[in-house]
PDB file of N, CA and C in Angstrom:
ATOM      1  N   MET A   1     146.559 110.967  85.912  1.00  0.00           N
ATOM      2  CA  MET A   1     145.312 110.043  86.238  1.00  0.00           C
ATOM      3  C   MET A   1     145.855 108.937  86.970  1.00  0.00           C
ATOM      4  N   VAL A   2     145.404 108.680  88.027  1.00  0.00           N
ATOM      5  CA  VAL A   2     145.270 107.495  88.907  1.00  0.00           C
ATOM      6  C   VAL A   2     145.057 106.145  87.927  1.00  0.00           C
ATOM      7  N   PRO A   3     146.019 105.392  87.994  1.00  0.00           N
ATOM      8  CA  PRO A   3     145.915 103.877  87.206  1.00  0.00           C
ATOM      9  C   PRO A   3     144.580 103.451  87.832  1.00  0.00           C
ATOM     10  N   PRO A   4     143.918 102.735  86.994  1.00  0.00           N
ATOM     11  CA  PRO A   4     142.658 101.742  87.320  1.00  0.00           C
ATOM     12  C   PRO A   4     142.949 100.500  88.220  1.00  0.00           C
ATOM     13  N   SER A   5     144.555 100.096  87.849  1.00  0.00           N
ATOM     14  CA  SER A   5     144.681  98.866  88.655  1.00  0.00           C
ATOM     15  C   SER A   5     146.059  98.991  89.693  1.00  0.00           C
ATOM     16  N   THR A   6     146.133  98.160  90.560  1.00  0.00           N
ATOM     17  CA  THR A   6     147.528  98.239  91.226  1.00  0.00           C
ATOM     18  C   THR A   6     148.727  97.419  90.296  1.00  0.00           C
ATOM     19  N   ALA A   7     148.398  96.960  89.218  1.00  0.00           N
ATOM     20  CA  ALA A   7     149.542  96.484  88.604  1.00  0.00           C
ATOM     21  C   ALA A   7     150.209  97.196  87.589  1.00  0.00           C
ATOM     22  N   TYR A   8     149.470  98.583  87.380  1.00  0.00           N
ATOM     23  CA  TYR A   8     150.055  99.317  86.355  1.00  0.00           C
ATOM     24  C   TYR A   8     150.356 100.850  87.045  1.00  0.00           C
ATOM     25  N   ALA A   9     151.260 101.403  86.286  1.00  0.00           N
ATOM     26  CA  ALA A   9     151.576 102.734  86.450  1.00  0.00           C
ATOM     27  C   ALA A   9     150.979 103.653  85.292  1.00  0.00           C
ATOM     28  N   SER A  10     150.603 104.979  85.798  1.00  0.00           N
ATOM     29  CA  SER A  10     150.035 105.699  84.768  1.00  0.00           C
ATOM     30  C   SER A  10     150.797 107.281  84.911  1.00  0.00           C
ATOM     31  N   TRP A  11     151.262 107.492  83.275  1.00  0.00           N
ATOM     32  CA  TRP A  11     151.927 108.852  83.046  1.00  0.00           C
ATOM     33  C   TRP A  11     150.944 109.926  83.232  1.00  0.00           C
ATOM     34  N   PHE A  12     150.932 111.048  83.920  1.00  0.00           N
ATOM     35  CA  PHE A  12     150.215 112.283  83.948  1.00  0.00           C
ATOM     36  C   PHE A  12     150.428 112.729  82.642  1.00  0.00           C
ATOM     37  N   ASN A  13     149.623 112.681  81.834  1.00  0.00           N
ATOM     38  CA  ASN A  13     149.547 113.068  80.280  1.00  0.00           C
ATOM     39  C   ASN A  13     149.298 114.783  79.918  1.00  0.00           C
ATOM     40  N   LEU A  14     149.140 115.403  81.107  1.00  0.00           N
ATOM     41  CA  LEU A  14     149.093 116.716  80.910  1.00  0.00           C
ATOM     42  C   LEU A  14     150.489 117.492  80.883  1.00  0.00           C
ATOM     43  N   GLY A  15     151.611 116.839  81.498  1.00  0.00           N
ATOM     44  CA  GLY A  15     152.957 117.086  81.496  1.00  0.00           C
ATOM     45  C   GLY A  15     153.604 116.551  80.205  1.00  0.00           C
ATOM     46  N   PRO A  16     154.823 116.897  80.705  1.00  0.00           N
ATOM     47  CA  PRO A  16     155.687 116.470  79.502  1.00  0.00           C
ATOM     48  C   PRO A  16     155.843 114.709  79.388  1.00  0.00           C
ATOM     49  N   THR A  17     156.324 114.337  78.376  1.00  0.00           N
ATOM     50  CA  THR A  17     156.669 112.815  78.414  1.00  0.00           C
ATOM     51  C   THR A  17     157.788 112.644  78.938  1.00  0.00           C
ATOM     52  N   PRO A  18     158.066 111.632  79.721  1.00  0.00           N
ATOM     53  CA  PRO A  18     159.387 111.450  80.401  1.00  0.00           C
ATOM     54  C   PRO A  18     160.771 111.450  79.223  1.00  0.00           C
ATOM     55  N   GLY A  19     161.562 112.540  79.694  1.00  0.00           N
ATOM     56  CA  GLY A  19     162.764 112.672  78.670  1.00  0.00           C
ATOM     57  C   GLY A  19     162.801 114.027  78.155  1.00  0.00           C
ATOM     58  N   GLN A  20     161.709 114.755  78.255  1.00  0.00           N
ATOM     59  CA  GLN A  20     161.310 116.228  77.454  1.00  0.00           C
ATOM     60  C   GLN A  20     161.500 116.937  78.498  1.00  0.00           C
ATOM     61  N   VAL A  21     161.861 118.160  78.446  1.00  0.00           N
ATOM     62  CA  VAL A  21     162.057 119.433  79.282  1.00  0.00           C
ATOM     63  C   VAL A  21     160.859 119.549  80.026  1.00  0.00           C
ATOM     64  N   GLY A  22     161.128 119.469  81.337  1.00  0.00           N
ATOM     65  CA  GLY A  22     159.850 119.810  82.357  1.00  0.00           C
ATOM     66  C   GLY A  22     159.708 118.848  83.338  1.00  0.00           C
ATOM     67  N   SER A  23     158.722 118.589  84.109  1.00  0.00           N
ATOM     68  CA  SER A  23     158.415 117.589  85.069  1.00  0.00           C
ATOM     69  C   SER A  23     157.514 116.433  84.731  1.00  0.00           C
ATOM     70  N   ALA A  24     157.997 115.350  84.288  1.00  0.00           N
ATOM     71  CA  ALA A  24     157.151 114.257  83.861  1.00  0.00           C
ATOM     72  C   ALA A  24     156.712 113.489  85.303  1.00  0.00           C
ATOM     73  N   VAL A  25     155.475 112.826  85.332  1.00  0.00           N
ATOM     74  CA  VAL A  25     154.906 112.557  86.349  1.00  0.00           C
ATOM     75  C   VAL A  25     154.249 111.297  86.083  1.00  0.00           C
ATOM     76  N   ILE A  26     154.544 110.360  86.932  1.00  0.00           N
ATOM     77  CA  ILE A  26     154.195 108.785  86.843  1.00  0.00           C
ATOM     78  C   ILE A  26     153.369 108.404  88.078  1.00  0.00           C
ATOM     79  N   LEU A  27     152.300 108.052  88.156  1.00  0.00           N
ATOM     80  CA  LEU A  27     151.345 107.622  89.258  1.00  0.00           C
ATOM     81  C   LEU A  27     151.230 106.203  89.392  1.00  0.00           C
ATOM     82  N   GLY A  28     151.161 105.716  90.701  1.00  0.00           N
ATOM     83  CA  GLY A  28     151.220 104.111  90.797  1.00  0.00           C
ATOM     84  C   GLY A  28     150.624 103.764  92.096  1.00  0.00           C
ATOM     85  N   HIS A  29     149.942 102.829  92.176  1.00  0.00           N
ATOM     86  CA  HIS A  29     149.468 102.300  93.519  1.00  0.00           C
ATOM     87  C   HIS A  29     150.549 101.578  94.167  1.00  0.00           C
ATOM     88  N   VAL A  30     150.489 101.829  95.625  1.00  0.00           N
ATOM     89  CA  VAL A  30     151.400 101.179  96.490  1.00  0.00           C
ATOM     90  C   VAL A  30     151.275  99.775  96.774  1.00  0.00           C
ATOM     91  N   ASP A  31     149.766  99.329  96.997  1.00  0.00           N
ATOM     92  CA  ASP A  31     149.247  98.203  97.348  1.00  0.00           C
ATOM     93  C   ASP A  31     147.874  98.269  97.430  1.00  0.00           C
ATOM     94  N   SER A  32     146.919  97.040  97.444  1.00  0.00           N
ATOM     95  CA  SER A  32     145.546  97.169  97.852  1.00  0.00           C
ATOM     96  C   SER A  32     145.453  96.171  98.506  1.00  0.00           C
ATOM     97  N   TYR A  33     144.043  95.592  99.040  1.00  0.00           N
ATOM     98  CA  TYR A  33     143.582  94.431  99.903  1.00  0.00           C
ATOM     99  C   TYR A  33     144.084  93.196  99.047  1.00  0.00           C
ATOM    100  N   VAL A  34     144.476  93.230  97.719  1.00  0.00           N
ATOM    101  CA  VAL A  34     144.772  91.766  97.344  1.00  0.00           C
ATOM    102  C   VAL A  34     146.403  91.834  97.456  1.00  0.00           C
ATOM    103  N   GLY A  35     147.183  92.725  97.762  1.00  0.00           N
ATOM    104  CA  GLY A  35     148.751  92.682  97.899  1.00  0.00           C
ATOM    105  C   GLY A  35     149.297  93.832  97.198  1.00  0.00           C
ATOM    106  N   PRO A  36     150.624  93.730  97.010  1.00  0.00           N
ATOM    107  CA  PRO A  36     151.452  94.714  96.680  1.00  0.00           C
ATOM    108  C   PRO A  36     151.172  95.276  95.156  1.00  0.00           C
ATOM    109  N   GLY A  37     151.318  96.714  95.018  1.00  0.00           N
ATOM    110  CA  GLY A  37     151.169  97.168  93.728  1.00  0.00           C
ATOM    111  C   GLY A  37     152.222  97.408  92.992  1.00  0.00           C
ATOM    112  N   VAL A  38     152.236  98.030  92.084  1.00  0.00           N
ATOM    113  CA  VAL A  38     153.638  98.568  90.992  1.00  0.00           C
ATOM    114  C   VAL A  38     154.656  99.238  91.902  1.00  0.00           C
ATOM    115  N   PHE A  39     153.938 100.155  92.586  1.00  0.00           N
ATOM    116  CA  PHE A  39     155.194 100.862  93.505  1.00  0.00           C
ATOM    117  C   PHE A  39     155.394 100.369  94.750  1.00  0.00           C
ATOM    118  N   PHE A  40     155.226  99.259  94.952  1.00  0.00           N
ATOM    119  CA  PHE A  40     155.187  98.752  96.691  1.00  0.00           C
ATOM    120  C   PHE A  40     156.525  99.232  97.121  1.00  0.00           C
ATOM    121  N   GLU A  41     158.010  99.151  96.349  1.00  0.00           N
ATOM    122  CA  GLU A  41     159.163  99.315  96.921  1.00  0.00           C
ATOM    123  C   GLU A  41     159.478 100.677  96.664  1.00  0.00           C
ATOM    124  N   LEU A  42     158.681 101.460  96.189  1.00  0.00           N
ATOM    125  CA  LEU A  42     159.229 102.902  95.792  1.00  0.00           C
ATOM    126  C   LEU A  42     159.819 103.826  96.975  1.00  0.00           C
ATOM    127  N   ARG A  43     159.348 103.269  98.093  1.00  0.00           N
ATOM    128  CA  ARG A  43     159.795 104.185  99.039  1.00  0.00           C
ATOM    129  C   ARG A  43     161.389 103.546  99.536  1.00  0.00           C
ATOM    130  N   TYR A  44     161.573 102.660  98.994  1.00  0.00           N
ATOM    131  CA  TYR A  44     163.157 102.184  99.618  1.00  0.00           C
ATOM    132  C   TYR A  44     163.919 102.569  98.400  1.00  0.00           C
ATOM    133  N   LEU A  45     163.878 103.515  97.429  1.00  0.00           N
ATOM    134  CA  LEU A  45     164.622 104.048  96.515  1.00  0.00           C
ATOM    135  C   LEU A  45     165.638 104.772  97.073  1.00  0.00           C
ATOM    136  N   LYS A  46     166.951 104.927  96.686  1.00  0.00           N
ATOM    137  CA  LYS A  46     167.929 105.706  97.565  1.00  0.00           C
ATOM    138  C   LYS A  46     168.316 106.598  96.439  1.00  0.00           C
ATOM    139  N   VAL A  47     168.829 107.657  96.916  1.00  0.00           N
ATOM    140  CA  VAL A  47     169.804 108.703  96.112  1.00  0.00           C
ATOM    141  C   VAL A  47     170.699 108.026  95.047  1.00  0.00           C
ATOM    142  N   GLY A  48     170.596 108.387  93.819  1.00  0.00           N
ATOM    143  CA  GLY A  48     171.674 107.722  92.820  1.00  0.00           C
ATOM    144  C   GLY A  48     170.999 106.626  92.221  1.00  0.00           C
ATOM    145  N   ALA A  49     169.924 105.770  92.752  1.00  0.00           N
ATOM    146  CA  ALA A  49     169.439 104.967  92.176  1.00  0.00           C
ATOM    147  C   ALA A  49     168.972 105.213  90.467  1.00  0.00           C
ATOM    148  N   ARG A  50     168.995 104.175  89.755  1.00  0.00           N
ATOM    149  CA  ARG A  50     168.515 104.556  88.324  1.00  0.00           C
ATOM    150  C   ARG A  50     167.054 104.258  88.216  1.00  0.00           C
ATOM    151  N   VAL A  51     166.242 104.926  87.591  1.00  0.00           N
ATOM    152  CA  VAL A  51     164.779 104.600  86.743  1.00  0.00           C
ATOM    153  C   VAL A  51     164.802 104.845  85.588  1.00  0.00           C
ATOM    154  N   ASN A  52     164.522 103.457  84.815  1.00  0.00           N
ATOM    155  CA  ASN A  52     164.251 103.554  83.259  1.00  0.00           C
ATOM    156  C   ASN A  52     163.030 103.464  82.992  1.00  0.00           C
ATOM    157  N   VAL A  53     162.665 104.490  81.868  1.00  0.00           N
ATOM    158  CA  VAL A  53     161.229 104.706  81.349  1.00  0.00           C
ATOM    159  C   VAL A  53     161.240 104.105  79.900  1.00  0.00           C
ATOM    160  N   THR A  54     160.747 103.315  79.329  1.00  0.00           N
ATOM    161  CA  THR A  54     160.589 102.916  77.894  1.00  0.00           C
ATOM    162  C   THR A  54     159.359 103.623  77.519  1.00  0.00           C
ATOM    163  N   LEU A  55     159.665 104.458  76.474  1.00  0.00           N
ATOM    164  CA  LEU A  55     158.440 105.129  75.762  1.00  0.00           C
ATOM    165  C   LEU A  55     157.744 104.341  74.652  1.00  0.00           C
ATOM    166  N   ALA A  56     156.828 104.739  74.205  1.00  0.00           N
ATOM    167  CA  ALA A  56     156.017 103.788  73.302  1.00  0.00           C
ATOM    168  C   ALA A  56     156.904 103.919  72.247  1.00  0.00           C
ATOM    169  N   ASN A  57     157.648 104.355  71.625  1.00  0.00           N
ATOM    170  CA  ASN A  57     158.627 104.252  70.413  1.00  0.00           C
ATOM    171  C   ASN A  57     159.681 103.581  70.429  1.00  0.00           C
ATOM    172  N   GLY A  58     159.925 103.046  71.717  1.00  0.00           N
ATOM    173  CA  GLY A  58     161.318 102.221  72.194  1.00  0.00           C
ATOM    174  C   GLY A  58     162.558 103.046  72.909  1.00  0.00           C
ATOM    175  N   VAL A  59     162.185 104.188  72.739  1.00  0.00           N
ATOM    176  CA  VAL A  59     163.261 105.151  73.340  1.00  0.00           C
ATOM    177  C   VAL A  59     163.358 104.744  74.971  1.00  0.00           C
ATOM    178  N   VAL A  60     164.761 104.832  75.538  1.00  0.00           N
ATOM    179  CA  VAL A  60     164.613 104.526  76.724  1.00  0.00           C
ATOM    180  C   VAL A  60     165.305 105.879  77.446  1.00  0.00           C
ATOM    181  N   ALA A  61     164.238 106.516  78.232  1.00  0.00           N
ATOM    182  CA  ALA A  61     164.836 107.659  79.193  1.00  0.00           C
ATOM    183  C   ALA A  61     165.211 107.064  80.362  1.00  0.00           C
ATOM    184  N   ARG A  62     166.443 107.445  80.868  1.00  0.00           N
ATOM    185  CA  ARG A  62     167.006 107.146  82.083  1.00  0.00           C
ATOM    186  C   ARG A  62     167.262 108.182  83.296  1.00  0.00           C
ATOM    187  N   PHE A  63     166.824 107.747  84.147  1.00  0.00           N
ATOM    188  CA  PHE A  63     166.749 109.001  85.229  1.00  0.00           C
ATOM    189  C   PHE A  63     167.699 108.432  86.715  1.00  0.00           C
ATOM    190  N   ALA A  64     168.261 109.620  87.397  1.00  0.00           N
ATOM    191  CA  ALA A  64     168.994 109.246  88.471  1.00  0.00           C
ATOM    192  C   ALA A  64     167.957 109.815  89.619  1.00  0.00           C
ATOM    193  N   VAL A  65     167.832 108.943  90.783  1.00  0.00           N
ATOM    194  CA  VAL A  65     167.159 109.406  91.942  1.00  0.00           C
ATOM    195  C   VAL A  65     167.879 110.616  92.516  1.00  0.00           C
ATOM    196  N   THR A  66     167.256 111.680  92.913  1.00  0.00           N
ATOM    197  CA  THR A  66     167.480 113.413  93.685  1.00  0.00           C
ATOM    198  C   THR A  66     167.084 113.049  94.932  1.00  0.00           C
ATOM    199  N   GLY A  67     165.824 112.330  95.597  1.00  0.00           N
ATOM    200  CA  GLY A  67     165.548 112.569  96.630  1.00  0.00           C
ATOM    201  C   GLY A  67     164.059 111.679  96.788  1.00  0.00           C
ATOM    202  N   VAL A  68     163.833 111.123  97.937  1.00  0.00           N
ATOM    203  CA  VAL A  68     162.654 110.274  97.945  1.00  0.00           C
ATOM    204  C   VAL A  68     162.093 111.100  99.564  1.00  0.00           C
ATOM    205  N   VAL A  69     160.665 111.646  99.220  1.00  0.00           N
ATOM    206  CA  VAL A  69     160.171 112.434 100.113  1.00  0.00           C
ATOM    207  C   VAL A  69     158.498 112.018 100.637  1.00  0.00           C
ATOM    208  N   GLU A  70     158.331 111.890 101.943  1.00  0.00           N
ATOM    209  CA  GLU A  70     156.872 111.678 102.464  1.00  0.00           C
ATOM    210  C   GLU A  70     156.220 113.127 102.745  1.00  0.00           C
ATOM    211  N   TYR A  71     155.067 113.116 101.878  1.00  0.00           N
ATOM    212  CA  TYR A  71     154.333 114.427 102.313  1.00  0.00           C
ATOM    213  C   TYR A  71     152.665 113.879 102.704  1.00  0.00           C
ATOM    214  N   PRO A  72     152.571 114.558 103.900  1.00  0.00           N
ATOM    215  CA  PRO A  72     151.165 114.685 104.158  1.00  0.00           C
ATOM    216  C   PRO A  72     150.340 114.803 103.176  1.00  0.00           C
ATOM    217  N   LYS A  73     149.059 113.897 102.990  1.00  0.00           N
ATOM    218  CA  LYS A  73     148.243 114.305 101.721  1.00  0.00           C
ATOM    219  C   LYS A  73     147.555 116.018 101.821  1.00  0.00           C
ATOM    220  N   GLY A  74     147.430 116.367 102.987  1.00  0.00           N
ATOM    221  CA  GLY A  74     146.902 117.737 103.024  1.00  0.00           C
ATOM    222  C   GLY A  74     147.837 118.765 102.737  1.00  0.00           C
ATOM    223  N   LYS A  75     149.199 118.302 102.551  1.00  0.00           N
ATOM    224  CA  LYS A  75     150.210 119.244 102.351  1.00  0.00           C
ATOM    225  C   LYS A  75     151.042 119.004 100.909  1.00  0.00           C
ATOM    226  N   PHE A  76     150.447 118.316 100.223  1.00  0.00           N
ATOM    227  CA  PHE A  76     150.974 117.846  99.088  1.00  0.00           C
ATOM    228  C   PHE A  76     151.730 119.054  98.107  1.00  0.00           C
ATOM    229  N   PRO A  77     152.919 119.029  97.939  1.00  0.00           N
ATOM    230  CA  PRO A  77     153.500 120.150  96.726  1.00  0.00           C
ATOM    231  C   PRO A  77     152.937 120.008  95.557  1.00  0.00           C
ATOM    232  N   ASP A  78     152.045 120.428  94.920  1.00  0.00           N
ATOM    233  CA  ASP A  78     151.697 120.237  93.666  1.00  0.00           C
ATOM    234  C   ASP A  78     152.443 121.087  92.699  1.00  0.00           C
ATOM    235  N   SER A  79     153.065 122.215  93.019  1.00  0.00           N
ATOM    236  CA  SER A  79     153.792 122.845  92.246  1.00  0.00           C
ATOM    237  C   SER A  79     155.329 122.329  92.158  1.00  0.00           C
ATOM    238  N   THR A  80     155.764 121.603  93.119  1.00  0.00           N
ATOM    239  CA  THR A  80     157.070 121.213  93.340  1.00  0.00           C
ATOM    240  C   THR A  80     157.089 119.811  92.449  1.00  0.00           C
ATOM    241  N   VAL A  81     156.267 118.989  92.437  1.00  0.00           N
ATOM    242  CA  VAL A  81     155.981 117.987  91.914  1.00  0.00           C
ATOM    243  C   VAL A  81     155.873 118.080  90.362  1.00  0.00           C
ATOM    244  N   TYR A  82     154.689 118.778  90.143  1.00  0.00           N
ATOM    245  CA  TYR A  82     154.236 119.106  88.773  1.00  0.00           C
ATOM    246  C   TYR A  82     154.955 120.141  87.821  1.00  0.00           C
ATOM    247  N   GLY A  83     155.429 121.316  88.756  1.00  0.00           N
ATOM    248  CA  GLY A  83     156.023 122.313  87.870  1.00  0.00           C
ATOM    249  C   GLY A  83     157.314 122.391  87.328  1.00  0.00           C
ATOM    250  N   SER A  84     157.576 122.727  86.265  1.00  0.00           N
ATOM    251  CA  SER A  84     158.899 122.756  85.563  1.00  0.00           C
ATOM    252  C   SER A  84     159.968 122.952  86.253  1.00  0.00           C
ATOM    253  N   ARG A  85     161.414 122.538  85.856  1.00  0.00           N
ATOM    254  CA  ARG A  85     162.343 123.263  86.550  1.00  0.00           C
ATOM    255  C   ARG A  85     163.397 123.931  85.534  1.00  0.00           C
ATOM    256  N   GLY A  86     162.873 123.697  84.321  1.00  0.00           N
ATOM    257  CA  GLY A  86     163.719 124.328  83.011  1.00  0.00           C
ATOM    258  C   GLY A  86     164.582 123.030  82.536  1.00  0.00           C
ATOM    259  N   PHE A  87     164.471 121.901  83.282  1.00  0.00           N
ATOM    260  CA  PHE A  87     165.463 120.635  82.635  1.00  0.00           C
ATOM    261  C   PHE A  87     164.389 119.539  82.862  1.00  0.00           C
ATOM    262  N   SER A  88     164.972 118.252  82.096  1.00  0.00           N
ATOM    263  CA  SER A  88     164.123 116.931  82.361  1.00  0.00           C
ATOM    264  C   SER A  88     164.077 116.357  83.425  1.00  0.00           C
ATOM    265  N   THR A  89     162.826 116.068  84.178  1.00  0.00           N
ATOM    266  CA  THR A  89     162.735 115.585  85.303  1.00  0.00           C
ATOM    267  C   THR A  89     161.655 114.314  85.338  1.00  0.00           C
ATOM    268  N   LEU A  90     161.600 113.566  86.529  1.00  0.00           N
ATOM    269  CA  LEU A  90     160.789 112.767  86.473  1.00  0.00           C
ATOM    270  C   LEU A  90     160.341 112.460  88.151  1.00  0.00           C
ATOM    271  N   GLN A  91     159.011 112.678  88.320  1.00  0.00           N
ATOM    272  CA  GLN A  91     158.629 112.266  89.619  1.00  0.00           C
ATOM    273  C   GLN A  91     157.758 111.007  89.751  1.00  0.00           C
ATOM    274  N   LEU A  92     157.958 110.037  90.539  1.00  0.00           N
ATOM    275  CA  LEU A  92     157.239 109.084  90.545  1.00  0.00           C
ATOM    276  C   LEU A  92     156.252 109.367  91.804  1.00  0.00           C
ATOM    277  N   VAL A  93     154.921 109.001  91.818  1.00  0.00           N
ATOM    278  CA  VAL A  93     154.405 109.420  93.263  1.00  0.00           C
ATOM    279  C   VAL A  93     153.356 108.221  93.573  1.00  0.00           C
ATOM    280  N   THR A  94     153.348 107.813  94.725  1.00  0.00           N
ATOM    281  CA  THR A  94     152.400 106.521  95.087  1.00  0.00           C
ATOM    282  C   THR A  94     151.877 107.045  96.850  1.00  0.00           C
ATOM    283  N   CYS A  95     151.139 106.362  97.345  1.00  0.00           N
ATOM    284  CA  CYS A  95     150.626 106.372  98.548  1.00  0.00           C
ATOM    285  C   CYS A  95     151.643 105.731  99.815  1.00  0.00           C
ATOM    286  N   GLY A  96     151.678 106.338 100.915  1.00  0.00           N
ATOM    287  CA  GLY A  96     152.396 106.012 101.905  1.00  0.00           C
ATOM    288  C   GLY A  96     152.187 106.248 103.278  1.00  0.00           C
ATOM    289  N   GLY A  97     152.995 106.376 104.223  1.00  0.00           N
ATOM    290  CA  GLY A  97     152.974 106.809 105.468  1.00  0.00           C
ATOM    291  C   GLY A  97     151.792 105.521 106.270  1.00  0.00           C
ATOM    292  N   VAL A  98     151.247 106.329 107.140  1.00  0.00           N
ATOM    293  CA  VAL A  98     150.163 105.470 108.008  1.00  0.00           C
ATOM    294  C   VAL A  98     148.852 105.100 107.112  1.00  0.00           C
ATOM    295  N   PHE A  99     148.450 103.735 107.311  1.00  0.00           N
ATOM    296  CA  PHE A  99     147.140 103.748 106.656  1.00  0.00           C
ATOM    297  C   PHE A  99     146.205 103.826 107.301  1.00  0.00           C
ATOM    298  N   ASN A 100     145.211 104.508 107.048  1.00  0.00           N
ATOM    299  CA  ASN A 100     143.906 105.119 107.820  1.00  0.00           C
ATOM    300  C   ASN A 100     142.911 103.880 107.644  1.00  0.00           C
ATOM    301  N   HIS A 101     142.631 102.818 108.718  1.00  0.00           N
ATOM    302  CA  HIS A 101     141.647 101.920 108.439  1.00  0.00           C
ATOM    303  C   HIS A 101     140.220 102.383 108.450  1.00  0.00           C
ATOM    304  N   GLN A 102     140.014 103.839 109.045  1.00  0.00           N
ATOM    305  CA  GLN A 102     138.608 104.150 109.157  1.00  0.00           C
ATOM    306  C   GLN A 102     138.367 104.823 107.662  1.00  0.00           C
ATOM    307  N   THR A 103     139.145 105.453 107.140  1.00  0.00           N
ATOM    308  CA  THR A 103     138.987 106.031 105.712  1.00  0.00           C
ATOM    309  C   THR A 103     139.368 104.843 104.560  1.00  0.00           C
ATOM    310  N   GLY A 104     140.147 103.963 104.798  1.00  0.00           N
ATOM    311  CA  GLY A 104     140.742 103.297 103.764  1.00  0.00           C
ATOM    312  C   GLY A 104     141.522 103.787 102.849  1.00  0.00           C
ATOM    313  N   HIS A 105     142.139 104.666 103.334  1.00  0.00           N
ATOM    314  CA  HIS A 105     143.444 105.707 102.520  1.00  0.00           C
ATOM    315  C   HIS A 105     144.795 105.643 103.247  1.00  0.00           C
ATOM    316  N   TYR A 106     145.635 105.696 102.706  1.00  0.00           N
ATOM    317  CA  TYR A 106     146.904 106.351 103.329  1.00  0.00           C
ATOM    318  C   TYR A 106     146.946 107.528 103.695  1.00  0.00           C
ATOM    319  N   GLU A 107     147.778 108.411 104.612  1.00  0.00           N
ATOM    320  CA  GLU A 107     147.615 109.454 105.128  1.00  0.00           C
ATOM    321  C   GLU A 107     148.785 110.207 104.492  1.00  0.00           C
ATOM    322  N   SER A 108     149.584 109.725 103.471  1.00  0.00           N
ATOM    323  CA  SER A 108     150.713 110.482 103.200  1.00  0.00           C
ATOM    324  C   SER A 108     150.783 110.046 101.351  1.00  0.00           C
ATOM    325  N   ASN A 109     151.898 111.013 100.746  1.00  0.00           N
ATOM    326  CA  ASN A 109     152.238 110.435  99.474  1.00  0.00           C
ATOM    327  C   ASN A 109     153.792 110.132  99.625  1.00  0.00           C
ATOM    328  N   ILE A 110     154.344 109.233  98.705  1.00  0.00           N
ATOM    329  CA  ILE A 110     155.850 109.333  98.566  1.00  0.00           C
ATOM    330  C   ILE A 110     155.907 110.022  97.351  1.00  0.00           C
ATOM    331  N   VAL A 111     156.800 110.566  97.249  1.00  0.00           N
ATOM    332  CA  VAL A 111     157.478 111.205  96.154  1.00  0.00           C
ATOM    333  C   VAL A 111     158.856 110.946  95.567  1.00  0.00           C
ATOM    334  N   VAL A 112     159.190 110.302  94.547  1.00  0.00           N
ATOM    335  CA  VAL A 112     160.487 110.035  94.152  1.00  0.00           C
ATOM    336  C   VAL A 112     161.007 111.244  93.083  1.00  0.00           C
ATOM    337  N   PHE A 113     162.150 111.717  93.186  1.00  0.00           N
ATOM    338  CA  PHE A 113     162.485 113.044  92.439  1.00  0.00           C
ATOM    339  C   PHE A 113     163.697 112.420  91.667  1.00  0.00           C
ATOM    340  N   THR A 114     163.646 112.825  90.376  1.00  0.00           N
ATOM    341  CA  THR A 114     164.581 111.914  89.611  1.00  0.00           C
ATOM    342  C   THR A 114     165.246 113.312  88.923  1.00  0.00           C
ATOM    343  N   ARG A 115     166.246 113.116  87.920  1.00  0.00           N
ATOM    344  CA  ARG A 115     166.697 113.699  86.932  1.00  0.00           C
ATOM    345  C   ARG A 115     167.443 113.073  85.581  1.00  0.00           C
ATOM    346  N   LEU A 116     167.147 113.642  84.540  1.00  0.00           N
ATOM    347  CA  LEU A 116     167.338 112.810  83.387  1.00  0.00           C
ATOM    348  C   LEU A 116     168.989 112.598  83.218  1.00  0.00           C
ATOM    349  N   VAL A 117     169.330 111.598  83.086  1.00  0.00           N
ATOM    350  CA  VAL A 117     170.838 111.491  82.870  1.00  0.00           C
ATOM    351  C   VAL A 117     171.148 110.715  81.315  1.00  0.00           C
ATOM    352  N   GLN A 118     170.195 110.234  80.878  1.00  0.00           N
ATOM    353  CA  GLN A 118     170.519 109.625  79.337  1.00  0.00           C
ATOM    354  C   GLN A 118     169.411 109.482  78.801  1.00  0.00           C
ATOM    355  N   VAL A 119     169.225 109.454  77.454  1.00  0.00           N
ATOM    356  CA  VAL A 119     168.317 109.087  76.464  1.00  0.00           C
ATOM    357  C   VAL A 119     169.020 108.014  75.416  1.00  0.00           C
ATOM    358  N   SER A 120     168.288 106.805  75.472  1.00  0.00           N
ATOM    359  CA  SER A 120     168.985 105.661  74.509  1.00  0.00           C
ATOM    360  C   SER A 120     167.798 105.716  73.211  1.00  0.00           C
ATOM    361  N   PRO A 121     168.253 105.546  72.155  1.00  0.00           N
ATOM    362  CA  PRO A 121     167.622 105.208  70.979  1.00  0.00           C
ATOM    363  C   PRO A 121     166.897 103.864  71.258  1.00  0.00           C
ATOM    364  N   PRO A 122     165.874 103.587  70.447  1.00  0.00           N
ATOM    365  CA  PRO A 122     165.178 102.068  70.477  1.00  0.00           C
ATOM    366  C   PRO A 122     166.096 101.134  70.336  1.00  0.00           C
ATOM    367  N   ILE A 123     166.129  99.940  70.559  1.00  0.00           N
ATOM    368  CA  ILE A 123     166.904  99.018  70.308  1.00  0.00           C
ATOM    369  C   ILE A 123     166.250  98.298  68.904  1.00  0.00           C
ATOM    370  N   ARG A 124     167.106  97.756  67.926  1.00  0.00           N
ATOM    371  CA  ARG A 124     166.295  97.472  66.822  1.00  0.00           C
ATOM    372  C   ARG A 124     166.783  96.121  66.409  1.00  0.00           C
TER     373      ARG A 124
END
């Protein structure tokens, strides 16, 4: 589900929870006419960077970035982003590339691919 605000990211709840086996996906806006969105800096992540996701129960799933790719929206690889690889991954997705002023939309998507490296119990 695309988040209703640029201030929040949304987990694609038809897939696994981050940290479970399969491809978890979190979507977030890059920006709006008001300013930067929650994933404004996403395109700058580098391979090896860490991404931490705190779940509702306080568990922290820690992921390492394995790649950052820009895809034209017409060639978005659904099965690559949402399909399971048989282990725990997280993909972060936002808009990017050239902004088309006629349509009011970006022409590409930025996808950050990650792999689970650790799950930490909640801090009590």
